[in-house]
Amino acid sequence: MEDSNSQGYWKATLALLTRILIIWFAVSFGAGILFADALNGIHLGGYPLGFWFAQQGSIYIFVALIFYYAKKMGDIDRQFDVHED
């Protein structure tokens, strides 16, 4: 891979990772800890929403992030022609 092409590839990869880590932080730390008291006023399935995010919701979001990462990383690989056949 050419130097300018490899720089673009890593820039796109790091941008994707940054977005995913921001979402991961917002869900795990933000919804589960920082905003738990505010979210506890809302109930989901009989449980306060802050508790639900800390125990269940963050897991669903993390699994969704794994699939999102795999899809977007495949798109980036095809864009920079480093994909596997």
Protein backbone atom coordinates (compact mmCIF):
# COMPACT_ATOMS: atom_id res chain seq x y z
CA MET A 1 0.00 0.00 0.00
CA GLU A 2 1.32 3.45 -0.88
CA ASP A 3 2.22 5.82 1.93
CA SER A 4 -0.59 8.31 1.24
CA ASN A 5 -3.07 5.46 0.81
CA SER A 6 -1.97 3.84 4.09
CA GLN A 7 -2.30 7.17 5.91
CA GLY A 8 -5.86 7.54 4.62
CA TYR A 9 -6.64 3.97 5.66
CA TRP A 10 -5.40 4.50 9.20
CA LYS A 11 -7.09 7.87 9.46
CA ALA A 12 -10.43 6.27 8.49
CA THR A 13 -9.82 3.36 10.88
CA LEU A 14 -8.99 5.64 13.80
CA ALA A 15 -12.01 7.84 13.07
CA LEU A 16 -14.25 4.76 13.21
CA LEU A 17 -12.66 3.58 16.45
CA THR A 18 -13.03 7.04 17.98
CA ARG A 19 -16.76 7.14 17.17
CA ILE A 20 -17.30 3.65 18.57
CA LEU A 21 -15.38 4.41 21.76
CA ILE A 22 -17.38 7.60 22.31
CA ILE A 23 -20.64 5.64 21.98
CA TRP A 24 -19.26 2.90 24.26
CA PHE A 25 -18.28 5.49 26.89
CA ALA A 26 -21.60 7.34 26.67
CA VAL A 27 -23.59 4.14 27.12
CA SER A 28 -21.49 2.44 29.79
CA PHE A 29 -20.35 5.36 31.91
CA GLY A 30 -22.92 7.99 30.95
CA ALA A 31 -26.19 6.04 30.96
CA GLY A 32 -25.08 3.48 33.55
CA ILE A 33 -23.45 5.82 36.08
CA LEU A 34 -23.57 9.58 35.38
CA PHE A 35 -27.18 9.88 34.26
CA ALA A 36 -28.56 6.87 36.13
CA ASP A 37 -30.47 9.00 38.64
CA ALA A 38 -32.14 11.02 35.88
CA LEU A 39 -32.93 7.88 33.87
CA ASN A 40 -34.35 6.05 36.89
CA GLY A 41 -37.52 8.12 36.61
CA ILE A 42 -38.36 6.13 33.48
CA HIS A 43 -39.23 2.45 33.86
CA LEU A 44 -38.63 -0.25 31.27
CA GLY A 45 -40.06 -3.67 31.96
CA GLY A 46 -40.71 -2.73 35.57
CA TYR A 47 -37.10 -1.67 36.23
CA PRO A 48 -35.64 1.83 36.36
CA LEU A 49 -34.01 2.77 33.04
CA GLY A 50 -30.66 3.67 34.67
CA PHE A 51 -30.47 0.23 36.27
CA TRP A 52 -31.54 -1.40 33.00
CA PHE A 53 -28.78 0.36 31.05
CA ALA A 54 -26.18 -0.60 33.64
CA GLN A 55 -27.25 -4.26 33.67
CA GLN A 56 -28.76 -5.11 30.27
CA GLY A 57 -28.93 -2.21 27.85
CA SER A 58 -25.21 -1.63 27.62
CA ILE A 59 -24.68 -5.27 26.62
CA TYR A 60 -27.14 -4.91 23.74
CA ILE A 61 -25.43 -1.72 22.61
CA PHE A 62 -21.98 -3.36 22.83
CA VAL A 63 -23.09 -6.30 20.67
CA ALA A 64 -24.60 -3.88 18.15
CA LEU A 65 -21.30 -1.95 18.13
CA ILE A 66 -19.41 -5.15 17.29
CA PHE A 67 -21.60 -5.76 14.23
CA TYR A 68 -21.41 -2.08 13.24
CA TYR A 69 -17.60 -2.13 13.54
CA ALA A 70 -17.31 -5.29 11.42
CA LYS A 71 -19.54 -3.82 8.70
CA LYS A 72 -17.84 -0.43 8.60
CA MET A 73 -14.34 -1.93 8.76
CA GLY A 74 -15.22 -4.12 5.76
CA ASP A 75 -16.37 -0.99 3.92
CA ILE A 76 -13.11 0.79 4.75
CA ASP A 77 -11.08 -2.23 3.64
CA ARG A 78 -12.91 -2.31 0.29
CA GLN A 79 -12.54 1.45 -0.13
CA PHE A 80 -8.75 1.20 0.25
CA ASP A 81 -8.53 -2.14 -1.62
CA VAL A 82 -7.09 -4.15 1.28
CA HIS A 83 -10.08 -6.46 1.69
CA GLU A 84 -9.92 -10.22 1.74
CA ASP A 85 -11.69 -12.18 -0.96
